[in-house]
Amino acid sequence: MTTYAVTAEWSNGWWLLRAVEAPDAVAQIRDLAEADKIRKALSFITGESESEIDFVLQVVSPPADADELADDDPEVAAGMQRLAELRKLEGDVRDF
């Protein structure tokens, strides 16, 4: 199993995921709950099986108006809640 560092950057209503160790592996998603999609990109770039790929996600630029978005969109609110839960998992989430 290979673990990759993956950054999530908010831009124009989308999250852009990029693997630090394999910068050509990118995925564009609407909700951070869809972050598993980066496995397919990593598999394509590295040749590894998706089942052998793990990743640690780091949000590098949350949306400036995230609180307003969460008030208006239940999916955004759910994604922000999930992100908060992930940040609480001490020992499972590494800083890059």
PDB file of N, CA and C in Angstrom:
ATOM      1  N   MET A   1       0.852  -1.180   0.000  1.00  0.00           N
ATOM      2  CA  MET A   1       0.000   0.000   0.000  1.00  0.00           C
ATOM      3  C   MET A   1       0.893   1.238   0.000  1.00  0.00           C
ATOM      4  N   THR A   2       0.622   2.141  -0.920  1.00  0.00           N
ATOM      5  CA  THR A   2       1.351   3.402  -1.002  1.00  0.00           C
ATOM      6  C   THR A   2       0.433   4.528  -0.549  1.00  0.00           C
ATOM      7  N   THR A   3       0.949   5.399   0.317  1.00  0.00           N
ATOM      8  CA  THR A   3       0.179   6.543   0.794  1.00  0.00           C
ATOM      9  C   THR A   3       0.731   7.815   0.164  1.00  0.00           C
ATOM     10  N   TYR A   4      -0.166   8.589  -0.417  1.00  0.00           N
ATOM     11  CA  TYR A   4       0.202   9.837  -1.082  1.00  0.00           C
ATOM     12  C   TYR A   4      -0.344  11.027  -0.305  1.00  0.00           C
ATOM     13  N   ALA A   5       0.389  12.120  -0.346  1.00  0.00           N
ATOM     14  CA  ALA A   5      -0.094  13.394   0.181  1.00  0.00           C
ATOM     15  C   ALA A   5      -0.901  14.059  -0.934  1.00  0.00           C
ATOM     16  N   VAL A   6      -2.120  14.465  -0.619  1.00  0.00           N
ATOM     17  CA  VAL A   6      -3.000  15.077  -1.613  1.00  0.00           C
ATOM     18  C   VAL A   6      -3.481  16.424  -1.084  1.00  0.00           C
ATOM     19  N   THR A   7      -3.325  17.458  -1.886  1.00  0.00           N
ATOM     20  CA  THR A   7      -3.814  18.776  -1.500  1.00  0.00           C
ATOM     21  C   THR A   7      -5.171  19.029  -2.155  1.00  0.00           C
ATOM     22  N   ALA A   8      -5.998  19.797  -1.456  1.00  0.00           N
ATOM     23  CA  ALA A   8      -7.310  20.202  -1.978  1.00  0.00           C
ATOM     24  C   ALA A   8      -7.342  21.721  -2.013  1.00  0.00           C
ATOM     25  N   GLU A   9      -7.546  22.265  -3.191  1.00  0.00           N
ATOM     26  CA  GLU A   9      -7.573  23.715  -3.368  1.00  0.00           C
ATOM     27  C   GLU A   9      -8.916  24.122  -3.972  1.00  0.00           C
ATOM     28  N   TRP A  10      -9.590  25.073  -3.347  1.00  0.00           N
ATOM     29  CA  TRP A  10     -10.899  25.551  -3.790  1.00  0.00           C
ATOM     30  C   TRP A  10     -10.722  26.598  -4.873  1.00  0.00           C
ATOM     31  N   SER A  11     -11.435  26.430  -5.989  1.00  0.00           N
ATOM     32  CA  SER A  11     -11.352  27.404  -7.066  1.00  0.00           C
ATOM     33  C   SER A  11     -12.611  27.348  -7.915  1.00  0.00           C
ATOM     34  N   ASN A  12     -13.281  28.474  -8.034  1.00  0.00           N
ATOM     35  CA  ASN A  12     -14.444  28.619  -8.917  1.00  0.00           C
ATOM     36  C   ASN A  12     -15.516  27.545  -8.703  1.00  0.00           C
ATOM     37  N   GLY A  13     -15.802  27.244  -7.449  1.00  0.00           N
ATOM     38  CA  GLY A  13     -16.872  26.300  -7.142  1.00  0.00           C
ATOM     39  C   GLY A  13     -16.478  24.837  -7.197  1.00  0.00           C
ATOM     40  N   TRP A  14     -15.190  24.554  -7.356  1.00  0.00           N
ATOM     41  CA  TRP A  14     -14.694  23.182  -7.430  1.00  0.00           C
ATOM     42  C   TRP A  14     -13.509  23.010  -6.493  1.00  0.00           C
ATOM     43  N   TRP A  15     -13.318  21.788  -6.039  1.00  0.00           N
ATOM     44  CA  TRP A  15     -12.092  21.418  -5.332  1.00  0.00           C
ATOM     45  C   TRP A  15     -11.163  20.770  -6.343  1.00  0.00           C
ATOM     46  N   LEU A  16      -9.929  21.230  -6.413  1.00  0.00           N
ATOM     47  CA  LEU A  16      -8.907  20.603  -7.243  1.00  0.00           C
ATOM     48  C   LEU A  16      -8.004  19.792  -6.326  1.00  0.00           C
ATOM     49  N   LEU A  17      -7.974  18.485  -6.544  1.00  0.00           N
ATOM     50  CA  LEU A  17      -7.114  17.601  -5.765  1.00  0.00           C
ATOM     51  C   LEU A  17      -5.870  17.304  -6.590  1.00  0.00           C
ATOM     52  N   ARG A  18      -4.710  17.359  -5.937  1.00  0.00           N
ATOM     53  CA  ARG A  18      -3.445  17.083  -6.629  1.00  0.00           C
ATOM     54  C   ARG A  18      -2.543  16.299  -5.674  1.00  0.00           C
ATOM     55  N   ALA A  19      -1.977  15.215  -6.172  1.00  0.00           N
ATOM     56  CA  ALA A  19      -1.051  14.416  -5.376  1.00  0.00           C
ATOM     57  C   ALA A  19       0.322  15.083  -5.387  1.00  0.00           C
ATOM     58  N   VAL A  20       0.895  15.287  -4.215  1.00  0.00           N
ATOM     59  CA  VAL A  20       2.188  15.965  -4.101  1.00  0.00           C
ATOM     60  C   VAL A  20       3.283  15.148  -4.793  1.00  0.00           C
ATOM     61  N   GLU A  21       3.282  13.838  -4.563  1.00  0.00           N
ATOM     62  CA  GLU A  21       4.329  12.979  -5.112  1.00  0.00           C
ATOM     63  C   GLU A  21       4.117  12.644  -6.595  1.00  0.00           C
ATOM     64  N   ALA A  22       2.924  12.860  -7.093  1.00  0.00           N
ATOM     65  CA  ALA A  22       2.609  12.596  -8.505  1.00  0.00           C
ATOM     66  C   ALA A  22       1.739  13.746  -9.013  1.00  0.00           C
ATOM     67  N   PRO A  23       2.346  14.917  -9.287  1.00  0.00           N
ATOM     68  CA  PRO A  23       1.576  16.127  -9.606  1.00  0.00           C
ATOM     69  C   PRO A  23       0.657  16.024 -10.817  1.00  0.00           C
ATOM     70  N   ASP A  24       0.898  15.050 -11.687  1.00  0.00           N
ATOM     71  CA  ASP A  24       0.006  14.869 -12.836  1.00  0.00           C
ATOM     72  C   ASP A  24      -1.287  14.169 -12.447  1.00  0.00           C
ATOM     73  N   ALA A  25      -1.343  13.626 -11.240  1.00  0.00           N
ATOM     74  CA  ALA A  25      -2.560  12.963 -10.752  1.00  0.00           C
ATOM     75  C   ALA A  25      -3.452  14.025 -10.121  1.00  0.00           C
ATOM     76  N   VAL A  26      -4.511  14.395 -10.833  1.00  0.00           N
ATOM     77  CA  VAL A  26      -5.429  15.425 -10.356  1.00  0.00           C
ATOM     78  C   VAL A  26      -6.864  14.925 -10.479  1.00  0.00           C
ATOM     79  N   ALA A  27      -7.725  15.500  -9.654  1.00  0.00           N
ATOM     80  CA  ALA A  27      -9.160  15.211  -9.731  1.00  0.00           C
ATOM     81  C   ALA A  27      -9.890  16.494  -9.377  1.00  0.00           C
ATOM     82  N   GLN A  28     -11.015  16.710 -10.015  1.00  0.00           N
ATOM     83  CA  GLN A  28     -11.844  17.888  -9.745  1.00  0.00           C
ATOM     84  C   GLN A  28     -13.170  17.385  -9.183  1.00  0.00           C
ATOM     85  N   ILE A  29     -13.523  17.890  -8.005  1.00  0.00           N
ATOM     86  CA  ILE A  29     -14.735  17.420  -7.329  1.00  0.00           C
ATOM     87  C   ILE A  29     -15.513  18.613  -6.782  1.00  0.00           C
ATOM     88  N   ARG A  30     -16.801  18.413  -6.545  1.00  0.00           N
ATOM     89  CA  ARG A  30     -17.643  19.470  -5.964  1.00  0.00           C
ATOM     90  C   ARG A  30     -17.624  19.430  -4.444  1.00  0.00           C
ATOM     91  N   ASP A  31     -17.439  18.243  -3.881  1.00  0.00           N
ATOM     92  CA  ASP A  31     -17.562  18.034  -2.443  1.00  0.00           C
ATOM     93  C   ASP A  31     -16.375  17.195  -1.971  1.00  0.00           C
ATOM     94  N   LEU A  32     -15.806  17.556  -0.836  1.00  0.00           N
ATOM     95  CA  LEU A  32     -14.666  16.807  -0.325  1.00  0.00           C
ATOM     96  C   LEU A  32     -15.013  15.357  -0.001  1.00  0.00           C
ATOM     97  N   ALA A  33     -16.291  15.065   0.144  1.00  0.00           N
ATOM     98  CA  ALA A  33     -16.709  13.682   0.377  1.00  0.00           C
ATOM     99  C   ALA A  33     -16.394  12.804  -0.840  1.00  0.00           C
ATOM    100  N   GLU A  34     -16.122  13.423  -1.986  1.00  0.00           N
ATOM    101  CA  GLU A  34     -15.785  12.698  -3.216  1.00  0.00           C
ATOM    102  C   GLU A  34     -14.268  12.539  -3.408  1.00  0.00           C
ATOM    103  N   ALA A  35     -13.491  12.821  -2.385  1.00  0.00           N
ATOM    104  CA  ALA A  35     -12.032  12.824  -2.507  1.00  0.00           C
ATOM    105  C   ALA A  35     -11.456  11.480  -2.949  1.00  0.00           C
ATOM    106  N   ASP A  36     -12.178  10.398  -2.734  1.00  0.00           N
ATOM    107  CA  ASP A  36     -11.690   9.079  -3.172  1.00  0.00           C
ATOM    108  C   ASP A  36     -11.430   9.020  -4.672  1.00  0.00           C
ATOM    109  N   LYS A  37     -11.990   9.948  -5.431  1.00  0.00           N
ATOM    110  CA  LYS A  37     -11.784   9.959  -6.879  1.00  0.00           C
ATOM    111  C   LYS A  37     -10.316  10.147  -7.256  1.00  0.00           C
ATOM    112  N   ILE A  38      -9.513  10.670  -6.327  1.00  0.00           N
ATOM    113  CA  ILE A  38      -8.087  10.848  -6.618  1.00  0.00           C
ATOM    114  C   ILE A  38      -7.400   9.502  -6.810  1.00  0.00           C
ATOM    115  N   ARG A  39      -7.951   8.436  -6.221  1.00  0.00           N
ATOM    116  CA  ARG A  39      -7.344   7.098  -6.369  1.00  0.00           C
ATOM    117  C   ARG A  39      -7.281   6.677  -7.847  1.00  0.00           C
ATOM    118  N   LYS A  40      -8.350   6.963  -8.589  1.00  0.00           N
ATOM    119  CA  LYS A  40      -8.378   6.601 -10.004  1.00  0.00           C
ATOM    120  C   LYS A  40      -7.275   7.338 -10.772  1.00  0.00           C
ATOM    121  N   ALA A  41      -7.116   8.625 -10.487  1.00  0.00           N
ATOM    122  CA  ALA A  41      -6.074   9.412 -11.144  1.00  0.00           C
ATOM    123  C   ALA A  41      -4.686   8.893 -10.764  1.00  0.00           C
ATOM    124  N   LEU A  42      -4.499   8.592  -9.493  1.00  0.00           N
ATOM    125  CA  LEU A  42      -3.208   8.066  -9.049  1.00  0.00           C
ATOM    126  C   LEU A  42      -2.921   6.709  -9.695  1.00  0.00           C
ATOM    127  N   SER A  43      -3.937   5.883  -9.786  1.00  0.00           N
ATOM    128  CA  SER A  43      -3.773   4.580 -10.413  1.00  0.00           C
ATOM    129  C   SER A  43      -3.349   4.732 -11.875  1.00  0.00           C
ATOM    130  N   PHE A  44      -3.986   5.652 -12.578  1.00  0.00           N
ATOM    131  CA  PHE A  44      -3.665   5.892 -13.986  1.00  0.00           C
ATOM    132  C   PHE A  44      -2.224   6.372 -14.147  1.00  0.00           C
ATOM    133  N   ILE A  45      -1.799   7.301 -13.299  1.00  0.00           N
ATOM    134  CA  ILE A  45      -0.462   7.897 -13.421  1.00  0.00           C
ATOM    135  C   ILE A  45       0.629   6.937 -12.957  1.00  0.00           C
ATOM    136  N   THR A  46       0.394   6.217 -11.852  1.00  0.00           N
ATOM    137  CA  THR A  46       1.447   5.382 -11.260  1.00  0.00           C
ATOM    138  C   THR A  46       1.420   3.932 -11.729  1.00  0.00           C
ATOM    139  N   GLY A  47       0.281   3.479 -12.241  1.00  0.00           N
ATOM    140  CA  GLY A  47       0.155   2.081 -12.631  1.00  0.00           C
ATOM    141  C   GLY A  47      -0.208   1.167 -11.479  1.00  0.00           C
ATOM    142  N   GLU A  48      -0.345   1.719 -10.283  1.00  0.00           N
ATOM    143  CA  GLU A  48      -0.746   0.923  -9.118  1.00  0.00           C
ATOM    144  C   GLU A  48      -2.245   0.654  -9.151  1.00  0.00           C
ATOM    145  N   SER A  49      -2.644  -0.419  -8.514  1.00  0.00           N
ATOM    146  CA  SER A  49      -4.057  -0.730  -8.373  1.00  0.00           C
ATOM    147  C   SER A  49      -4.705   0.270  -7.412  1.00  0.00           C
ATOM    148  N   GLU A  50      -5.944   0.679  -7.716  1.00  0.00           N
ATOM    149  CA  GLU A  50      -6.652   1.614  -6.833  1.00  0.00           C
ATOM    150  C   GLU A  50      -6.744   1.076  -5.410  1.00  0.00           C
ATOM    151  N   SER A  51      -6.873  -0.229  -5.269  1.00  0.00           N
ATOM    152  CA  SER A  51      -7.001  -0.829  -3.942  1.00  0.00           C
ATOM    153  C   SER A  51      -5.699  -0.759  -3.144  1.00  0.00           C
ATOM    154  N   GLU A  52      -4.588  -0.487  -3.818  1.00  0.00           N
ATOM    155  CA  GLU A  52      -3.289  -0.386  -3.153  1.00  0.00           C
ATOM    156  C   GLU A  52      -2.872   1.059  -2.898  1.00  0.00           C
ATOM    157  N   ILE A  53      -3.791   1.994  -3.134  1.00  0.00           N
ATOM    158  CA  ILE A  53      -3.486   3.419  -2.985  1.00  0.00           C
ATOM    159  C   ILE A  53      -4.251   3.984  -1.800  1.00  0.00           C
ATOM    160  N   ASP A  54      -3.540   4.693  -0.947  1.00  0.00           N
ATOM    161  CA  ASP A  54      -4.147   5.429   0.158  1.00  0.00           C
ATOM    162  C   ASP A  54      -3.663   6.870   0.049  1.00  0.00           C
ATOM    163  N   PHE A  55      -4.350   7.780   0.693  1.00  0.00           N
ATOM    164  CA  PHE A  55      -3.918   9.175   0.630  1.00  0.00           C
ATOM    165  C   PHE A  55      -4.305   9.904   1.913  1.00  0.00           C
ATOM    166  N   VAL A  56      -3.563  10.965   2.164  1.00  0.00           N
ATOM    167  CA  VAL A  56      -3.843  11.879   3.267  1.00  0.00           C
ATOM    168  C   VAL A  56      -4.162  13.222   2.633  1.00  0.00           C
ATOM    169  N   LEU A  57      -5.332  13.752   2.958  1.00  0.00           N
ATOM    170  CA  LEU A  57      -5.824  14.972   2.329  1.00  0.00           C
ATOM    171  C   LEU A  57      -5.513  16.192   3.191  1.00  0.00           C
ATOM    172  N   GLN A  58      -4.999  17.241   2.550  1.00  0.00           N
ATOM    173  CA  GLN A  58      -4.762  18.511   3.228  1.00  0.00           C
ATOM    174  C   GLN A  58      -5.446  19.620   2.439  1.00  0.00           C
ATOM    175  N   VAL A  59      -6.347  20.338   3.097  1.00  0.00           N
ATOM    176  CA  VAL A  59      -7.013  21.474   2.462  1.00  0.00           C
ATOM    177  C   VAL A  59      -6.071  22.669   2.555  1.00  0.00           C
ATOM    178  N   VAL A  60      -5.697  23.205   1.398  1.00  0.00           N
ATOM    179  CA  VAL A  60      -4.752  24.323   1.380  1.00  0.00           C
ATOM    180  C   VAL A  60      -5.430  25.667   1.165  1.00  0.00           C
ATOM    181  N   SER A  61      -6.658  25.662   0.660  1.00  0.00           N
ATOM    182  CA  SER A  61      -7.357  26.932   0.472  1.00  0.00           C
ATOM    183  C   SER A  61      -8.872  26.719   0.548  1.00  0.00           C
ATOM    184  N   PRO A  62      -9.417  26.781   1.763  1.00  0.00           N
ATOM    185  CA  PRO A  62     -10.872  26.641   1.868  1.00  0.00           C
ATOM    186  C   PRO A  62     -11.562  27.838   1.230  1.00  0.00           C
ATOM    187  N   PRO A  63     -12.797  27.672   0.794  1.00  0.00           N
ATOM    188  CA  PRO A  63     -13.509  28.802   0.196  1.00  0.00           C
ATOM    189  C   PRO A  63     -13.637  29.951   1.180  1.00  0.00           C
ATOM    190  N   ALA A  64     -13.417  31.163   0.701  1.00  0.00           N
ATOM    191  CA  ALA A  64     -13.501  32.347   1.557  1.00  0.00           C
ATOM    192  C   ALA A  64     -14.895  32.509   2.151  1.00  0.00           C
ATOM    193  N   ASP A  65     -15.910  32.115   1.398  1.00  0.00           N
ATOM    194  CA  ASP A  65     -17.282  32.277   1.846  1.00  0.00           C
ATOM    195  C   ASP A  65     -17.897  30.931   2.268  1.00  0.00           C
ATOM    196  N   ALA A  66     -17.075  30.064   2.857  1.00  0.00           N
ATOM    197  CA  ALA A  66     -17.518  28.704   3.186  1.00  0.00           C
ATOM    198  C   ALA A  66     -18.725  28.700   4.118  1.00  0.00           C
ATOM    199  N   ASP A  67     -18.741  29.561   5.104  1.00  0.00           N
ATOM    200  CA  ASP A  67     -19.881  29.587   6.029  1.00  0.00           C
ATOM    201  C   ASP A  67     -21.171  29.972   5.309  1.00  0.00           C
ATOM    202  N   GLU A  68     -21.086  30.945   4.415  1.00  0.00           N
ATOM    203  CA  GLU A  68     -22.272  31.331   3.648  1.00  0.00           C
ATOM    204  C   GLU A  68     -22.713  30.197   2.726  1.00  0.00           C
ATOM    205  N   LEU A  69     -21.762  29.537   2.099  1.00  0.00           N
ATOM    206  CA  LEU A  69     -22.090  28.406   1.235  1.00  0.00           C
ATOM    207  C   LEU A  69     -22.780  27.303   2.027  1.00  0.00           C
ATOM    208  N   ALA A  70     -22.297  27.029   3.225  1.00  0.00           N
ATOM    209  CA  ALA A  70     -22.880  25.976   4.059  1.00  0.00           C
ATOM    210  C   ALA A  70     -24.307  26.320   4.450  1.00  0.00           C
ATOM    211  N   ASP A  71     -24.582  27.594   4.669  1.00  0.00           N
ATOM    212  CA  ASP A  71     -25.943  28.006   5.012  1.00  0.00           C
ATOM    213  C   ASP A  71     -26.905  27.765   3.856  1.00  0.00           C
ATOM    214  N   ASP A  72     -26.414  27.896   2.634  1.00  0.00           N
ATOM    215  CA  ASP A  72     -27.262  27.798   1.448  1.00  0.00           C
ATOM    216  C   ASP A  72     -27.322  26.405   0.827  1.00  0.00           C
ATOM    217  N   ASP A  73     -26.344  25.561   1.115  1.00  0.00           N
ATOM    218  CA  ASP A  73     -26.251  24.274   0.428  1.00  0.00           C
ATOM    219  C   ASP A  73     -25.973  23.159   1.436  1.00  0.00           C
ATOM    220  N   PRO A  74     -26.920  22.234   1.615  1.00  0.00           N
ATOM    221  CA  PRO A  74     -26.727  21.139   2.580  1.00  0.00           C
ATOM    222  C   PRO A  74     -25.522  20.256   2.250  1.00  0.00           C
ATOM    223  N   GLU A  75     -25.187  20.112   0.954  1.00  0.00           N
ATOM    224  CA  GLU A  75     -24.019  19.301   0.592  1.00  0.00           C
ATOM    225  C   GLU A  75     -22.731  19.966   1.056  1.00  0.00           C
ATOM    226  N   VAL A  76     -22.656  21.274   0.950  1.00  0.00           N
ATOM    227  CA  VAL A  76     -21.483  22.003   1.428  1.00  0.00           C
ATOM    228  C   VAL A  76     -21.388  21.878   2.939  1.00  0.00           C
ATOM    229  N   ALA A  77     -22.516  22.023   3.610  1.00  0.00           N
ATOM    230  CA  ALA A  77     -22.528  21.891   5.070  1.00  0.00           C
ATOM    231  C   ALA A  77     -22.045  20.504   5.480  1.00  0.00           C
ATOM    232  N   ALA A  78     -22.507  19.469   4.772  1.00  0.00           N
ATOM    233  CA  ALA A  78     -22.092  18.097   5.080  1.00  0.00           C
ATOM    234  C   ALA A  78     -20.595  17.919   4.826  1.00  0.00           C
ATOM    235  N   GLY A  79     -20.094  18.492   3.739  1.00  0.00           N
ATOM    236  CA  GLY A  79     -18.669  18.415   3.440  1.00  0.00           C
ATOM    237  C   GLY A  79     -17.821  19.118   4.486  1.00  0.00           C
ATOM    238  N   MET A  80     -18.279  20.271   4.947  1.00  0.00           N
ATOM    239  CA  MET A  80     -17.551  20.996   5.989  1.00  0.00           C
ATOM    240  C   MET A  80     -17.571  20.219   7.308  1.00  0.00           C
ATOM    241  N   GLN A  81     -18.703  19.584   7.595  1.00  0.00           N
ATOM    242  CA  GLN A  81     -18.795  18.765   8.800  1.00  0.00           C
ATOM    243  C   GLN A  81     -17.819  17.595   8.719  1.00  0.00           C
ATOM    244  N   ARG A  82     -17.764  16.957   7.551  1.00  0.00           N
ATOM    245  CA  ARG A  82     -16.845  15.825   7.349  1.00  0.00           C
ATOM    246  C   ARG A  82     -15.400  16.286   7.489  1.00  0.00           C
ATOM    247  N   LEU A  83     -15.077  17.436   6.940  1.00  0.00           N
ATOM    248  CA  LEU A  83     -13.731  17.972   7.054  1.00  0.00           C
ATOM    249  C   LEU A  83     -13.372  18.222   8.514  1.00  0.00           C
ATOM    250  N   ALA A  84     -14.306  18.778   9.275  1.00  0.00           N
ATOM    251  CA  ALA A  84     -14.071  19.009  10.701  1.00  0.00           C
ATOM    252  C   ALA A  84     -13.824  17.693  11.426  1.00  0.00           C
ATOM    253  N   GLU A  85     -14.582  16.660  11.061  1.00  0.00           N
ATOM    254  CA  GLU A  85     -14.392  15.343  11.669  1.00  0.00           C
ATOM    255  C   GLU A  85     -13.012  14.782  11.331  1.00  0.00           C
ATOM    256  N   LEU A  86     -12.605  14.936  10.082  1.00  0.00           N
ATOM    257  CA  LEU A  86     -11.297  14.434   9.669  1.00  0.00           C
ATOM    258  C   LEU A  86     -10.173  15.145  10.415  1.00  0.00           C
ATOM    259  N   ARG A  87     -10.341  16.434  10.625  1.00  0.00           N
ATOM    260  CA  ARG A  87      -9.307  17.200  11.322  1.00  0.00           C
ATOM    261  C   ARG A  87      -9.179  16.780  12.783  1.00  0.00           C
ATOM    262  N   LYS A  88     -10.236  16.200  13.340  1.00  0.00           N
ATOM    263  CA  LYS A  88     -10.208  15.750  14.730  1.00  0.00           C
ATOM    264  C   LYS A  88      -9.500  14.407  14.899  1.00  0.00           C
ATOM    265  N   LEU A  89      -9.299  13.697  13.817  1.00  0.00           N
ATOM    266  CA  LEU A  89      -8.667  12.372  13.887  1.00  0.00           C
ATOM    267  C   LEU A  89      -7.165  12.530  14.106  1.00  0.00           C
ATOM    268  N   GLU A  90      -6.797  12.654  15.354  1.00  0.00           N
ATOM    269  CA  GLU A  90      -5.405  12.845  15.689  1.00  0.00           C
ATOM    270  C   GLU A  90      -4.602  11.600  15.377  1.00  0.00           C
ATOM    271  N   GLY A  91      -3.473  11.753  14.781  1.00  0.00           N
ATOM    272  CA  GLY A  91      -2.626  10.616  14.461  1.00  0.00           C
ATOM    273  C   GLY A  91      -2.899  10.038  13.084  1.00  0.00           C
ATOM    274  N   ASP A  92      -4.081  10.248  12.536  1.00  0.00           N
ATOM    275  CA  ASP A  92      -4.403   9.732  11.209  1.00  0.00           C
ATOM    276  C   ASP A  92      -4.188  10.772  10.144  1.00  0.00           C
ATOM    277  N   VAL A  93      -4.124  12.032  10.534  1.00  0.00           N
ATOM    278  CA  VAL A  93      -3.954  13.122   9.570  1.00  0.00           C
ATOM    279  C   VAL A  93      -2.601  13.769   9.854  1.00  0.00           C
ATOM    280  N   ARG A  94      -1.798  13.866   8.815  1.00  0.00           N
ATOM    281  CA  ARG A  94      -0.451  14.447   8.960  1.00  0.00           C
ATOM    282  C   ARG A  94      -0.417  15.836   8.344  1.00  0.00           C
ATOM    283  N   ASP A  95       0.442  16.676   8.898  1.00  0.00           N
ATOM    284  CA  ASP A  95       0.707  17.981   8.286  1.00  0.00           C
ATOM    285  C   ASP A  95       1.820  17.802   7.289  1.00  0.00           C
ATOM    286  N   PHE A  96       1.766  18.518   6.204  1.00  0.00           N
ATOM    287  CA  PHE A  96       2.802  18.439   5.176  1.00  0.00           C
ATOM    288  C   PHE A  96       3.702  19.632   5.279  1.00  0.00           C
TER     289      PHE A  96
END
